[in-house]
Protein backbone atom coordinates (compact mmCIF):
# COMPACT_ATOMS: atom_id res chain seq x y z
CA MET A 1 107.92 82.23 152.65
CA THR A 2 107.09 82.06 154.93
CA GLN A 3 105.23 80.98 158.15
CA SER A 4 103.55 79.47 164.76
CA PHE A 5 101.33 78.10 167.37
CA LEU A 6 100.47 78.20 171.61
CA ARG A 7 101.04 76.49 174.78
CA GLY A 8 98.22 75.29 176.97
CA VAL A 9 95.75 76.87 179.71
CA THR A 10 93.12 75.42 181.65
CA CYS A 11 91.01 78.65 182.49
CA LEU A 12 90.16 77.16 186.17
CA THR A 13 92.65 79.58 187.94
CA VAL A 14 93.37 83.22 187.69
CA VAL A 15 97.04 82.91 187.39
CA LEU A 16 96.63 80.86 184.25
CA GLY A 17 93.55 83.10 182.88
CA PHE A 18 95.89 85.95 183.39
CA LEU A 19 99.04 84.25 181.45
CA ILE A 20 97.01 83.48 178.30
CA LEU A 21 96.98 87.23 178.00
CA SER A 22 100.36 87.72 178.66
CA PRO A 23 102.81 85.95 176.15
CA VAL A 24 105.67 87.86 177.48
CA ALA A 25 105.18 86.45 180.65
CA ASN A 26 106.31 82.93 179.32
CA ALA A 27 108.76 84.11 177.02
CA GLN A 28 112.56 84.37 177.62
CA GLU A 29 113.31 87.53 179.33
CA ASP A 30 116.70 87.68 177.89
CA ASP A 31 116.08 87.01 174.25
CA LEU A 32 117.57 90.56 173.39
CA LYS A 33 120.29 90.64 176.23
CA ASP A 34 123.05 91.16 173.51
CA PHE A 35 121.05 93.72 171.82
CA PRO A 36 120.61 96.49 174.68
CA LYS A 37 119.23 99.03 171.74
CA LEU A 38 116.39 97.18 171.36
CA SER A 39 113.12 96.89 173.65
CA LEU A 40 110.91 94.02 173.90
CA LYS A 41 107.76 96.58 174.01
CA THR A 42 108.35 98.86 171.55
CA ASP A 43 110.36 96.80 168.71
CA TRP A 44 109.78 93.89 166.29
CA PRO A 45 113.16 93.62 164.98
CA TRP A 46 113.39 90.46 162.90
CA TRP A 47 111.28 87.72 161.30
CA ARG A 48 108.83 86.20 163.91
CA GLY A 49 109.49 89.16 166.68
CA PRO A 50 111.93 89.68 169.56
CA HIS A 51 111.26 86.05 170.73
CA ARG A 52 111.66 84.86 167.30
CA ASN A 53 108.50 82.58 167.64
CA GLY A 54 105.45 84.85 166.77
CA LEU A 55 105.27 85.70 170.30
CA GLY A 56 104.23 89.29 170.95
CA ASP A 57 103.47 91.25 173.92
CA ASP A 58 99.72 91.94 176.44
CA GLN A 59 99.84 95.43 175.04
CA PRO A 60 96.00 96.14 173.74
CA VAL A 61 95.89 96.21 170.17
CA PRO A 62 92.55 96.46 167.72
CA THR A 63 91.08 93.09 166.74
CA LYS A 64 88.68 95.28 164.05
CA LEU A 65 90.66 96.37 160.88
CA SER A 66 90.13 97.09 157.51
CA ASP A 67 90.96 100.00 155.65
CA LYS A 68 88.58 102.46 157.57
CA ASP A 69 88.92 100.68 161.01
CA ASN A 70 91.75 101.85 163.32
CA VAL A 71 93.96 103.13 160.73
CA VAL A 72 96.89 105.18 162.12
CA TRP A 73 98.23 105.50 158.50
CA LYS A 74 98.60 103.59 155.24
CA THR A 75 101.23 104.45 152.84
CA PRO A 76 102.17 103.19 149.54
CA VAL A 77 104.87 101.12 149.06
CA PRO A 78 107.17 100.78 145.64
CA GLY A 79 107.78 97.39 143.82
CA ARG A 80 106.70 94.09 144.83
CA GLY A 81 107.95 91.99 148.13
CA HIS A 82 106.61 89.63 151.18
CA SER A 83 109.08 90.74 153.24
CA SER A 84 107.48 91.37 156.54
CA PRO A 85 107.92 94.78 158.39
CA THR A 86 110.72 95.20 160.89
CA VAL A 87 110.05 97.81 163.59
CA VAL A 88 112.60 99.37 165.48
CA GLY A 89 112.48 102.41 167.52
CA ASP A 90 110.88 105.22 165.45
CA ARG A 91 111.00 103.31 162.18
CA VAL A 92 110.11 100.75 159.84
CA TYR A 93 111.82 98.62 157.31
CA LEU A 94 110.87 96.66 154.55
CA THR A 95 113.14 95.08 151.60
CA THR A 96 111.21 95.49 148.00
CA ALA A 97 111.99 94.80 144.53
CA ASP A 98 111.38 96.32 141.01
CA VAL A 99 111.35 93.61 138.71
CA LYS A 100 111.70 95.39 135.51
CA GLN A 101 114.58 97.38 136.06
CA GLN A 102 116.20 94.71 138.36
CA ILE A 103 116.62 96.56 141.43
CA HIS A 104 116.70 95.70 145.13
CA TYR A 105 115.88 98.31 147.72
CA VAL A 106 115.78 98.61 151.41
CA LEU A 107 113.15 101.40 152.63
CA ALA A 108 112.84 102.93 155.47
CA PHE A 109 109.28 104.63 156.93
CA ASP A 110 108.47 106.76 159.53
CA ARG A 111 106.46 104.85 162.14
CA ALA A 112 104.73 107.71 163.55
CA THR A 113 103.45 108.96 159.81
CA GLY A 114 104.21 106.35 157.33
CA LYS A 115 106.25 108.88 155.15
CA GLN A 116 109.01 107.12 153.44
CA LEU A 117 112.32 108.28 154.85
CA TRP A 118 114.72 106.57 152.51
CA GLN A 119 115.31 104.01 149.70
CA THR A 120 118.89 102.68 149.51
CA GLU A 121 119.62 100.32 146.01
CA VAL A 122 121.14 97.48 147.28
CA ASN A 123 121.80 95.57 143.95
CA ARG A 124 120.81 95.95 140.32
CA GLY A 125 120.93 93.25 137.69
CA GLY A 126 121.36 89.91 138.05
CA PHE A 127 117.69 88.72 138.90
CA PRO A 128 116.98 84.91 138.51
CA GLU A 129 114.90 83.92 135.27
CA ARG A 130 112.26 82.20 137.01
CA ASN A 131 110.71 82.17 139.98
CA HIS A 132 107.54 80.73 141.74
CA PRO A 133 104.34 82.79 141.39
CA LYS A 134 104.02 83.30 145.37
CA ASN A 135 107.38 84.22 145.95
CA THR A 136 109.18 87.35 145.08
CA GLU A 137 112.66 88.93 144.69
CA ALA A 138 112.30 90.58 148.45
CA SER A 139 111.04 87.73 150.58
CA PRO A 140 113.50 87.63 153.19
CA THR A 141 112.66 90.41 156.62
CA VAL A 142 115.23 92.62 157.34
CA ALA A 143 116.84 91.98 160.48
CA SER A 144 118.04 94.56 162.86
CA ASP A 145 120.58 94.68 166.12
CA GLY A 146 119.52 98.16 166.82
CA GLU A 147 122.52 99.59 165.28
CA ARG A 148 122.35 98.11 161.82
CA LEU A 149 120.36 96.42 159.32
CA PHE A 150 120.72 93.30 157.75
CA ALA A 151 119.13 91.89 154.14
CA THR A 152 119.42 89.21 151.75
CA PHE A 153 118.63 89.18 148.29
CA TYR A 154 119.21 86.31 145.45
CA ASN A 155 120.88 87.70 142.61
CA HIS A 156 124.24 86.82 140.29
CA GLU A 157 123.36 83.09 141.26
CA THR A 158 124.58 83.97 144.84
CA VAL A 159 122.89 84.78 147.99
CA GLN A 160 123.69 88.44 148.83
CA ALA A 161 124.01 89.31 152.30
CA VAL A 162 123.84 93.40 153.32
CA ALA A 163 124.75 95.61 156.28
CA LEU A 164 123.27 99.09 156.60
CA ASP A 165 123.20 101.88 159.19
CA PHE A 166 120.02 103.55 160.29
CA SER A 167 120.34 106.11 157.53
CA GLY A 168 120.65 103.95 154.76
CA GLU A 169 124.25 103.97 154.13
CA ILE A 170 125.65 100.38 152.90
CA LEU A 171 128.35 99.28 155.69
CA TRP A 172 129.39 96.28 153.91
CA LYS A 173 128.10 93.96 151.26
CA GLU A 174 128.92 89.86 150.61
CA ALA A 175 128.33 87.03 148.93
CA ALA A 176 127.07 84.46 151.50
CA GLY A 177 127.28 81.89 149.08
CA PRO A 178 126.24 80.35 145.48
CA PHE A 179 122.71 79.95 144.96
CA HIS A 180 121.52 78.75 141.43
CA PRO A 181 118.31 76.57 141.67
CA THR A 182 117.98 73.92 138.50
CA SER A 183 115.18 71.60 139.30
CA PHE A 184 113.01 73.56 140.90
CA GLN A 185 113.56 77.34 139.96
CA TYR A 186 111.27 78.89 142.94
CA GLY A 187 113.58 81.62 144.04
CA TYR A 188 115.08 82.39 147.67
CA ALA A 189 113.01 82.90 151.41
CA PRO A 190 115.11 82.40 154.34
CA SER A 191 115.36 85.46 156.46
CA PRO A 192 118.74 86.57 157.93
CA LEU A 193 119.14 85.37 162.07
CA ILE A 194 121.05 87.52 164.34
CA TYR A 195 122.74 85.78 166.92
CA ARG A 196 125.19 87.47 169.43
CA ASN A 197 127.80 88.79 167.01
CA SER A 198 126.93 87.08 163.98
CA VAL A 199 124.40 87.41 161.42
CA ILE A 200 123.26 83.71 160.04
CA ILE A 201 122.18 82.70 156.48
CA SER A 202 121.01 79.78 154.62
CA GLY A 203 120.84 78.93 151.30
CA GLU A 204 119.72 75.53 150.38
CA TYR A 205 119.23 74.25 146.43
CA ASP A 206 120.29 71.46 144.44
CA GLY A 207 123.76 72.51 144.61
CA GLU A 208 126.32 73.50 147.49
CA SER A 209 123.98 74.45 149.73
CA PHE A 210 125.33 76.57 153.26
CA LEU A 211 124.39 77.53 156.55
CA SER A 212 126.74 80.09 157.43
CA GLY A 213 127.69 82.89 160.01
CA PHE A 214 129.20 86.26 159.20
CA ASP A 215 130.45 89.02 161.66
CA ARG A 216 127.99 91.61 161.83
CA ARG A 217 129.92 94.62 162.22
CA LYS A 218 132.40 93.93 159.58
CA GLY A 219 130.50 91.20 157.27
CA LYS A 220 134.04 88.35 157.81
CA ARG A 221 132.54 84.95 157.50
CA LEU A 222 132.68 83.12 160.85
CA TRP A 223 131.89 79.58 160.16
CA LYS A 224 130.41 77.66 157.35
CA ALA A 225 128.59 74.16 157.49
CA ASP A 226 127.32 72.14 154.07
CA ARG A 227 123.89 71.62 154.01
CA PRO A 228 122.19 68.70 151.84
CA HIS A 229 121.84 69.32 147.98
CA SER A 230 118.39 69.88 148.23
CA ILE A 231 116.14 72.63 147.77
CA SER A 232 114.26 74.30 150.89
CA PHE A 233 113.12 77.48 152.08
CA SER A 234 112.67 77.61 155.70
CA SER A 235 114.35 80.37 157.82
CA PRO A 236 116.87 79.17 160.70
CA VAL A 237 115.77 79.89 164.03
CA VAL A 238 117.62 80.43 167.40
CA ALA A 239 115.72 78.84 170.84
CA SER A 240 117.03 78.42 174.19
CA ILE A 241 115.60 74.78 175.10
CA GLY A 242 117.27 73.13 178.09
CA SER A 243 119.63 75.95 179.09
CA LYS A 244 121.15 75.43 175.29
CA ASP A 245 121.21 77.80 172.75
CA GLN A 246 120.05 75.64 169.53
CA LEU A 247 119.58 76.80 165.79
CA LEU A 248 116.72 75.15 164.60
CA LEU A 249 116.10 73.87 161.18
CA SER A 250 113.70 72.05 159.15
CA GLY A 251 113.97 70.59 155.34
CA SER A 252 115.76 67.75 153.48
CA GLN A 253 113.84 65.08 154.99
CA LYS A 254 115.36 66.18 158.54
CA VAL A 255 114.66 68.12 161.67
CA ALA A 256 118.14 69.53 162.95
CA SER A 257 119.73 71.43 165.51
CA PHE A 258 122.82 73.32 165.47
CA ASP A 259 125.23 74.92 167.26
CA PRO A 260 124.49 78.40 166.30
CA ALA A 261 128.17 80.00 167.50
CA SER A 262 130.02 77.34 164.89
CA GLY A 263 127.38 75.56 162.45
CA LYS A 264 128.20 72.29 164.39
CA GLN A 265 125.43 69.74 163.95
CA LEU A 266 123.74 68.65 167.74
CA TRP A 267 121.39 66.63 166.42
CA SER A 268 119.03 65.64 163.82
CA THR A 269 116.60 63.28 162.98
CA PRO A 270 114.43 62.04 160.29
CA GLY A 271 110.98 64.15 159.69
CA THR A 272 108.78 66.74 157.77
CA THR A 273 109.69 66.77 154.08
CA ALA A 274 111.83 67.48 151.36
CA ALA A 275 111.08 70.89 151.31
CA THR A 276 109.58 73.18 154.39
CA CYS A 277 109.23 77.11 154.06
CA GLY A 278 108.05 77.36 157.78
CA THR A 279 109.96 78.41 160.46
CA MET A 280 110.66 75.75 163.76
CA VAL A 281 108.81 76.70 166.88
CA TRP A 282 109.05 75.23 170.43
CA ASP A 283 107.74 74.75 173.61
CA ASP A 284 108.36 73.03 176.93
CA GLY A 285 111.44 71.41 175.49
CA ILE A 286 109.61 70.18 172.47
CA VAL A 287 110.21 71.42 168.98
CA PHE A 288 107.48 71.03 165.89
CA ALA A 289 108.29 71.49 162.30
CA SER A 290 105.68 71.04 159.14
CA GLY A 291 105.91 70.66 155.61
CA GLY A 292 105.64 70.78 152.59
CA TYR A 293 107.18 68.85 149.39
CA PRO A 294 106.28 66.09 148.22
CA LYS A 295 104.01 65.04 151.41
CA ALA A 296 102.35 66.59 154.21
CA GLU A 297 103.80 66.12 157.69
CA THR A 298 103.85 67.83 160.99
CA ILE A 299 106.19 66.58 163.61
CA ALA A 300 107.41 67.16 167.38
CA VAL A 301 110.25 66.12 168.66
CA LYS A 302 111.93 66.04 171.86
CA ALA A 303 114.53 68.75 171.98
CA ASP A 304 117.13 66.92 174.43
CA GLY A 305 119.62 65.31 171.90
CA SER A 306 117.76 61.99 171.89
CA GLY A 307 116.14 62.73 168.45
CA LYS A 308 113.23 60.79 170.21
CA VAL A 309 109.80 61.61 167.99
CA LEU A 310 107.15 62.33 170.17
CA TRP A 311 104.07 62.46 167.38
CA LYS A 312 103.54 63.52 163.74
CA ASN A 313 100.39 63.84 161.58
CA ASN A 314 99.56 64.53 157.35
CA GLN A 315 98.63 68.16 158.19
CA LYS A 316 100.62 70.47 156.29
CA CYS A 317 101.69 74.02 157.00
CA TYR A 318 104.43 74.40 154.09
CA GLU A 319 104.70 78.04 153.28
CA GLN A 320 103.25 79.24 157.07
CA SER A 321 104.89 78.89 160.72
CA MET A 322 102.88 77.80 163.32
CA LEU A 323 102.47 79.12 167.01
CA ALA A 324 103.23 77.29 170.12
CA TYR A 325 102.34 78.61 173.33
CA GLN A 326 101.22 76.96 177.15
CA GLY A 327 101.52 73.26 176.12
CA HIS A 328 99.66 73.52 172.93
CA LEU A 329 100.38 73.87 168.88
CA TYR A 330 97.88 76.10 166.75
CA ALA A 331 98.09 75.73 162.94
CA LEU A 332 95.93 76.94 160.24
CA THR A 333 97.28 74.41 157.58
CA ASP A 334 97.24 75.31 153.46
CA ASN A 335 93.80 73.99 153.07
CA GLY A 336 92.14 76.69 155.67
CA VAL A 337 91.81 74.30 158.76
CA VAL A 338 92.97 75.67 161.93
CA PHE A 339 93.77 72.98 164.52
CA CYS A 340 94.94 73.10 168.02
CA TRP A 341 96.98 70.34 169.08
CA GLN A 342 98.35 69.32 172.71
CA GLY A 343 102.03 69.42 172.15
CA SER A 344 103.10 66.83 174.60
CA ASP A 345 101.22 64.21 172.48
CA GLY A 346 99.30 65.70 169.45
CA LYS A 347 95.54 64.88 170.56
CA GLU A 348 93.41 67.18 168.56
CA MET A 349 91.74 69.73 170.94
CA TRP A 350 90.06 71.00 168.11
CA LYS A 351 89.57 71.94 164.41
CA GLN A 352 87.58 74.64 162.65
CA ARG A 353 87.49 75.07 158.61
CA LEU A 354 88.34 78.61 157.61
CA GLN A 355 89.57 79.42 154.23
CA GLY A 356 93.22 79.32 152.46
CA PRO A 357 95.49 79.22 151.09
CA VAL A 358 97.86 80.55 153.46
CA SER A 359 101.51 82.10 153.56
CA ALA A 360 101.65 84.28 156.46
CA SER A 361 102.68 83.10 159.66
CA PRO A 362 100.85 83.84 163.18
CA VAL A 363 101.40 86.49 165.71
CA LEU A 364 100.08 86.44 169.67
CA ALA A 365 99.33 89.85 170.69
CA GLY A 366 96.98 91.36 173.48
CA GLY A 367 95.62 87.81 173.93
CA HIS A 368 94.71 87.06 170.50
CA ILE A 369 95.98 85.22 167.37
CA TYR A 370 96.16 87.55 164.21
CA GLN A 371 96.58 85.08 161.22
CA ALA A 372 96.20 86.27 157.59
CA ASN A 373 94.99 83.85 154.78
CA GLU A 374 96.50 84.80 151.23
CA MET A 375 93.29 86.81 149.90
CA GLY A 376 93.60 89.51 152.52
CA THR A 377 91.24 87.68 155.35
CA LEU A 378 92.89 88.51 158.73
CA TYR A 379 91.65 86.01 161.23
CA VAL A 380 91.72 86.98 165.11
CA PHE A 381 91.24 84.45 167.48
CA LYS A 382 92.13 83.35 170.96
CA PRO A 383 94.38 80.98 171.89
CA ASN A 384 91.79 78.78 173.58
CA PRO A 385 92.93 75.16 173.92
CA GLU A 386 88.94 74.48 175.08
CA LYS A 387 87.27 75.56 171.60
CA PHE A 388 87.91 78.03 168.33
CA ASP A 389 87.20 81.12 169.83
CA LEU A 390 86.85 83.53 166.41
CA VAL A 391 87.06 87.26 167.53
CA ALA A 392 87.01 89.09 164.50
CA GLU A 393 87.22 88.07 160.84
CA ASN A 394 88.92 91.27 158.70
CA LYS A 395 89.52 92.31 155.22
CA VAL A 396 92.78 93.93 154.57
CA GLY A 397 93.56 94.28 150.84
CA ASP A 398 93.45 91.79 148.32
CA ASP A 399 96.37 89.86 149.27
CA SER A 400 98.30 89.14 152.11
CA PHE A 401 101.27 87.05 151.69
CA PRO A 402 103.92 88.83 154.65
CA SER A 403 103.10 88.25 158.36
CA PRO A 404 102.07 91.21 161.01
CA ALA A 405 104.57 92.78 162.93
CA ILE A 406 102.57 93.61 166.34
CA CYS A 407 104.57 96.01 168.65
CA GLY A 408 104.30 99.00 171.05
CA GLY A 409 100.16 98.87 170.76
CA GLN A 410 100.60 98.61 167.00
CA ILE A 411 99.88 96.26 164.01
CA PHE A 412 102.09 97.13 161.05
CA LEU A 413 100.92 95.03 157.75
CA ARG A 414 102.02 94.64 154.52
CA VAL A 415 99.21 94.13 151.83
CA GLY A 416 98.76 93.73 147.73
CA ASP A 417 95.63 96.20 146.80
CA ARG A 418 94.13 96.16 143.14
CA SER A 419 91.44 98.11 143.55
CA GLY A 420 92.85 100.74 140.88
CA GLY A 421 93.30 98.05 138.20
CA GLU A 422 96.89 97.41 138.86
CA ARG A 423 98.36 95.69 141.83
CA GLN A 424 99.79 98.58 144.26
CA GLU A 425 101.41 97.45 147.54
CA TYR A 426 100.79 99.29 151.00
CA LEU A 427 101.86 99.08 154.37
CA TYR A 428 99.33 99.66 157.37
CA CYS A 429 100.01 100.95 160.49
CA PHE A 430 96.67 99.86 162.97
CA GLY A 431 96.26 101.15 166.49
CA ASN A 432 93.34 101.77 168.81
CA GLU A 433 93.72 105.51 168.00
CA SER A 434 92.54 105.98 164.25
CA ARG A 435 93.62 108.65 162.14
């Protein structure tokens, strides 16, 4: 479940005109400093990409996408899941679930051909009795440190964390914490977060909620922080703001920041709603969050520890994340309206009616924003604060819940297709050189 948005430009100078095509120029160049085997240009190693905020690079990628346009390959995905593609080196990784047999899997595909290379069974049995129809038993996205793969699943009334090597062998498996919602039996969604020597996992429900860090090499618990007894679904994210690393998380009526090395809370402020699903984004010392349930709110907070709320409105990005870039925030809301707000004060720059509902989060790459709705419509538009600048409106599959991964001049997209009568998932690779 997921779910991001942008920084403004005045197009009056050549420099700013160039930057709008080069998101990496404004991203943290040291985002992968602790992971020397990963590449900013060719890898999409975890949820929301190498910079953790939906910003790709400026390599050209196609804007016209369909079952026939710019397809490098298309391959069937067994089972069902909403995890987004993770791309490292010459492979693409997904999680999936066989609901009838109650089996969780991690899958690997060849990046050049789409051939499935291996399928590792991680868990059998213990699936929850109920789940939300928009969620799956394999919604969290795989994270990789360039040497290992990390995945999380909900089974046997726990959040289970597992580490695998690139051949699919299980290195360690741990129960990250209890998870057994009773008030809202909507499943589990947060993706694992890699930070330095740890993998950070959250589990928030009407019980013993937690935020916890584990040694990514051995699986040993490093720290644990208690969270409110209230169900929420957002993935935690680490942002470097004001020379300090902050772990950001929304939900339970709060926007909060933690020390990612210890789990100690740095600051929090009332905001958003009881439940959120989207991952927080940030830009120029400001963090942004949106939710959710039971009300709708998008909020901007100064991330200097003061907890100062700069602005808020009643728009809602519940499952999807937003995109912050060059002083502006871009959001395709639940009801299918895309907004551009000025990040500093929330001024509405423009809005455009598209179509919802929305679960996937946007990605900015090659100078364009790629944003899908649940019906398989993939909108491509420019990050232009002056006007809505639509480049293409594509149809890929019959439903689209996972977010795209865009790296190395390629777009990887997981969709559902019902053309054969029964729903079948496919993984696409798009590029400027068609098959």
